Amino acid sequence: MAQYLRDPDLWPTVLSLNDVASPVDLVPGITLKMPPKQVEAADAALSQSLEAIEAAIAEGAQIFAPGEIGLAIENRDAAVAKRGEGEWR
């Protein structure tokens, strides 16, 4: 997984994507669909969102817009959790 998706913990997502119920069901020579483009796009978006939040905080967003920055952090945390579940949108 780490070779193709840069994340060894995405194996449950790959199993689900391939309609494989359990790692036990994998056999040598099986071809698996992998979502590298989706993972790369999600990781890039999460990285950009973190940079934007950090820049806003550096500019004083926590003081002048605490509700908005708090919501941005909550939304990013939710997106990180969804990414871990294989939700790429």
Protein backbone atom coordinates (compact mmCIF):
# COMPACT_ATOMS: atom_id res chain seq x y z
CA MET A 1 0.00 0.00 0.00
CA ALA A 2 2.70 2.47 0.94
CA GLN A 3 4.37 2.04 -2.46
CA TYR A 4 1.25 3.05 -4.41
CA LEU A 5 -0.71 5.18 -1.96
CA ARG A 6 1.96 6.51 0.43
CA ASP A 7 -0.15 5.18 3.29
CA PRO A 8 0.12 1.58 4.50
CA ASP A 9 -3.08 1.97 6.54
CA LEU A 10 -5.35 2.22 3.48
CA TRP A 11 -5.57 -1.55 2.95
CA PRO A 12 -9.20 -1.70 4.20
CA THR A 13 -10.12 0.87 1.55
CA VAL A 14 -8.39 -1.14 -1.17
CA LEU A 15 -10.17 -4.31 -0.02
CA SER A 16 -13.52 -2.51 -0.12
CA LEU A 17 -12.80 -0.96 -3.52
CA ASN A 18 -12.15 -4.46 -4.86
CA ASP A 19 -15.12 -6.11 -3.12
CA VAL A 20 -12.77 -8.30 -1.07
CA ALA A 21 -14.22 -9.13 2.33
CA SER A 22 -11.00 -10.01 4.12
CA PRO A 23 -7.24 -10.08 3.52
CA VAL A 24 -7.57 -13.86 3.82
CA ASP A 25 -9.46 -13.81 0.51
CA LEU A 26 -6.44 -12.42 -1.34
CA VAL A 27 -4.53 -14.91 -3.46
CA PRO A 28 -1.25 -14.56 -5.34
CA GLY A 29 -1.70 -13.02 -8.76
CA ILE A 30 -4.93 -11.16 -7.98
CA THR A 31 -5.15 -7.74 -9.62
CA LEU A 32 -6.29 -4.99 -7.28
CA LYS A 33 -7.72 -1.60 -8.22
CA MET A 34 -5.86 1.18 -6.43
CA PRO A 35 -6.96 4.82 -6.02
CA PRO A 36 -3.60 6.67 -6.24
CA LYS A 37 -4.97 9.77 -8.00
CA GLN A 38 -7.78 10.16 -5.49
CA VAL A 39 -5.38 9.73 -2.57
CA GLU A 40 -2.94 12.24 -4.06
CA ALA A 41 -5.70 14.80 -4.67
CA ALA A 42 -7.13 14.36 -1.17
CA ASP A 43 -3.70 14.67 0.42
CA ALA A 44 -2.94 17.82 -1.58
CA ALA A 45 -6.27 19.41 -0.61
CA LEU A 46 -5.72 18.57 3.07
CA SER A 47 -2.22 20.01 2.94
CA GLN A 48 -3.47 23.21 1.31
CA SER A 49 -6.26 23.55 3.86
CA LEU A 50 -3.81 23.19 6.73
CA GLU A 51 -1.55 25.83 5.20
CA ALA A 52 -4.51 28.21 4.78
CA ILE A 53 -5.66 27.67 8.38
CA GLU A 54 -2.14 28.22 9.71
CA ALA A 55 -1.76 31.39 7.62
CA ALA A 56 -5.13 32.70 8.87
CA ILE A 57 -4.14 31.99 12.47
CA ALA A 58 -0.82 33.78 11.95
CA GLU A 59 -2.75 36.79 10.66
CA GLY A 60 -4.96 36.88 13.74
CA ALA A 61 -8.01 34.87 12.70
CA GLN A 62 -8.35 33.28 16.13
CA ILE A 63 -8.78 36.74 17.61
CA PHE A 64 -10.87 38.42 14.91
CA ALA A 65 -12.80 35.43 13.53
CA PRO A 66 -12.71 32.68 16.15
CA GLY A 67 -15.95 31.07 14.97
CA GLU A 68 -14.82 30.86 11.36
CA ILE A 69 -11.37 29.50 12.19
CA GLY A 70 -12.90 26.99 14.59
CA LEU A 71 -15.30 25.82 11.88
CA ALA A 72 -12.44 25.56 9.38
CA ILE A 73 -10.49 23.39 11.81
CA GLU A 74 -13.55 21.19 12.48
CA ASN A 75 -14.18 20.78 8.75
CA ARG A 76 -10.56 19.87 8.10
CA ASP A 77 -10.58 17.36 10.96
CA ALA A 78 -13.73 15.79 9.49
CA ALA A 79 -12.08 15.63 6.06
CA VAL A 80 -9.00 13.95 7.55
CA ALA A 81 -11.26 11.35 9.18
CA LYS A 82 -13.13 10.76 5.91
CA ARG A 83 -9.85 10.40 4.04
CA GLY A 84 -8.88 7.68 6.50
CA GLU A 85 -12.15 5.92 5.68
CA GLY A 86 -11.50 6.07 1.95
CA GLU A 87 -13.85 8.97 1.22
CA TRP A 88 -11.97 11.14 -1.27
CA ARG A 89 -14.46 13.95 -1.94
